[in-house]
């Protein structure tokens, strides 16, 4: 498995094996040992860094803040916080 994507996909399969009630204990032990060999969360962190997922799209952030301001499930304090953050981004306050 050379690429981080391949490693993440393999880990997904092994995790599914661990959670499948129709799989034998021997298979679950094998899946756990393979997960341990693959290195925990390291492949997914590498994948996020390669894709640039650690960089947030400012338009999506602004959209989420605007949505929070209009969401009846958000508290007054939450709406005020969203407005302040939106102003810091340079967006209009609604």
Protein backbone atom coordinates (compact mmCIF):
# COMPACT_ATOMS: atom_id res chain seq x y z
CA UNK A 1 0.00 0.00 0.00
CA UNK A 2 1.85 2.99 -1.23
CA UNK A 3 -0.47 5.96 -1.08
CA UNK A 4 -2.23 7.35 1.99
CA UNK A 5 -5.56 6.86 0.20
CA UNK A 6 -4.89 3.14 -0.20
CA UNK A 7 -3.97 2.85 3.47
CA UNK A 8 -7.10 4.70 4.57
CA UNK A 9 -9.29 2.49 2.38
CA UNK A 10 -7.67 -0.64 3.81
CA UNK A 11 -8.23 0.67 7.33
CA UNK A 12 -11.91 1.26 6.54
CA UNK A 13 -12.27 -2.36 5.50
CA UNK A 14 -10.59 -3.64 8.66
CA UNK A 15 -12.72 -1.37 10.85
CA UNK A 16 -15.84 -2.67 9.12
CA UNK A 17 -14.67 -6.21 9.84
CA UNK A 18 -14.31 -5.39 13.54
CA UNK A 19 -17.88 -4.08 13.71
CA UNK A 20 -19.53 -6.82 11.66
CA UNK A 21 -21.38 -9.32 13.89
CA UNK A 22 -21.20 -11.99 11.15
CA UNK A 23 -17.38 -12.13 11.22
CA UNK A 24 -15.48 -14.73 13.25
CA UNK A 25 -13.32 -13.80 16.22
CA UNK A 26 -10.25 -14.99 14.33
CA UNK A 27 -11.01 -12.59 11.47
CA UNK A 28 -11.58 -9.77 13.95
CA UNK A 29 -8.23 -10.46 15.61
CA UNK A 30 -6.54 -10.43 12.21
CA UNK A 31 -8.26 -7.15 11.30
CA UNK A 32 -7.14 -5.58 14.59
CA UNK A 33 -3.53 -6.64 14.04
CA UNK A 34 -3.61 -5.22 10.52
CA UNK A 35 -5.01 -1.93 11.83
CA UNK A 36 -2.21 -1.79 14.38
CA UNK A 37 0.36 -2.37 11.62
CA UNK A 38 -1.14 0.36 9.45
CA UNK A 39 -0.45 2.96 12.10
CA UNK A 40 -3.66 4.18 13.69
CA UNK A 41 -4.78 7.60 12.44
CA UNK A 42 -1.52 8.49 10.68
CA UNK A 43 -2.71 7.63 7.14
CA UNK A 44 -5.85 9.75 7.44
CA UNK A 45 -3.81 12.70 8.75
CA UNK A 46 -1.45 12.34 5.77
CA UNK A 47 -4.44 12.22 3.44
CA UNK A 48 -5.96 15.39 4.91
CA UNK A 49 -2.63 17.20 4.53
CA UNK A 50 -2.23 16.07 0.92
CA UNK A 51 -5.73 17.17 -0.01
CA UNK A 52 -5.43 20.47 1.81
CA UNK A 53 -8.43 19.65 4.00
CA UNK A 54 -6.84 21.57 6.85
CA UNK A 55 -7.53 24.78 4.90
CA UNK A 56 -11.13 25.95 5.23
CA UNK A 57 -12.90 27.62 2.32
CA UNK A 58 -13.74 31.18 3.46
CA UNK A 59 -16.99 31.19 1.46
CA UNK A 60 -18.20 28.07 3.23
CA UNK A 61 -17.19 29.44 6.62
CA UNK A 62 -19.09 32.66 5.91
CA UNK A 63 -22.11 30.67 4.74
CA UNK A 64 -22.11 28.63 7.92
CA UNK A 65 -21.90 31.76 10.05
CA UNK A 66 -24.79 33.36 8.15
CA UNK A 67 -26.83 30.19 8.57
CA UNK A 68 -26.14 30.20 12.31
CA UNK A 69 -27.45 33.75 12.56
CA UNK A 70 -30.78 32.70 11.00
CA UNK A 71 -31.13 29.32 12.71
CA UNK A 72 -33.86 29.33 15.39
CA UNK A 73 -32.00 26.56 17.22
CA UNK A 74 -28.98 28.78 17.88
CA UNK A 75 -28.90 30.82 21.08
CA UNK A 76 -28.71 34.61 21.11
CA UNK A 77 -25.13 34.37 22.32
CA UNK A 78 -24.31 31.97 19.47
CA UNK A 79 -25.85 34.32 16.92
CA UNK A 80 -23.86 37.25 18.30
CA UNK A 81 -20.67 35.19 18.17
CA UNK A 82 -21.39 34.23 14.56
CA UNK A 83 -21.98 37.88 13.68
CA UNK A 84 -18.66 38.90 15.25
CA UNK A 85 -16.76 36.17 13.41
CA UNK A 86 -18.47 37.11 10.14
CA UNK A 87 -17.43 40.73 10.64
CA UNK A 88 -13.85 39.59 11.23
CA UNK A 89 -13.97 37.75 7.91
CA UNK A 90 -15.15 40.94 6.24
CA UNK A 91 -18.65 39.72 5.47
CA UNK A 92 -21.91 41.61 5.96
CA UNK A 93 -23.67 41.36 9.31
CA UNK A 94 -27.25 40.12 8.91
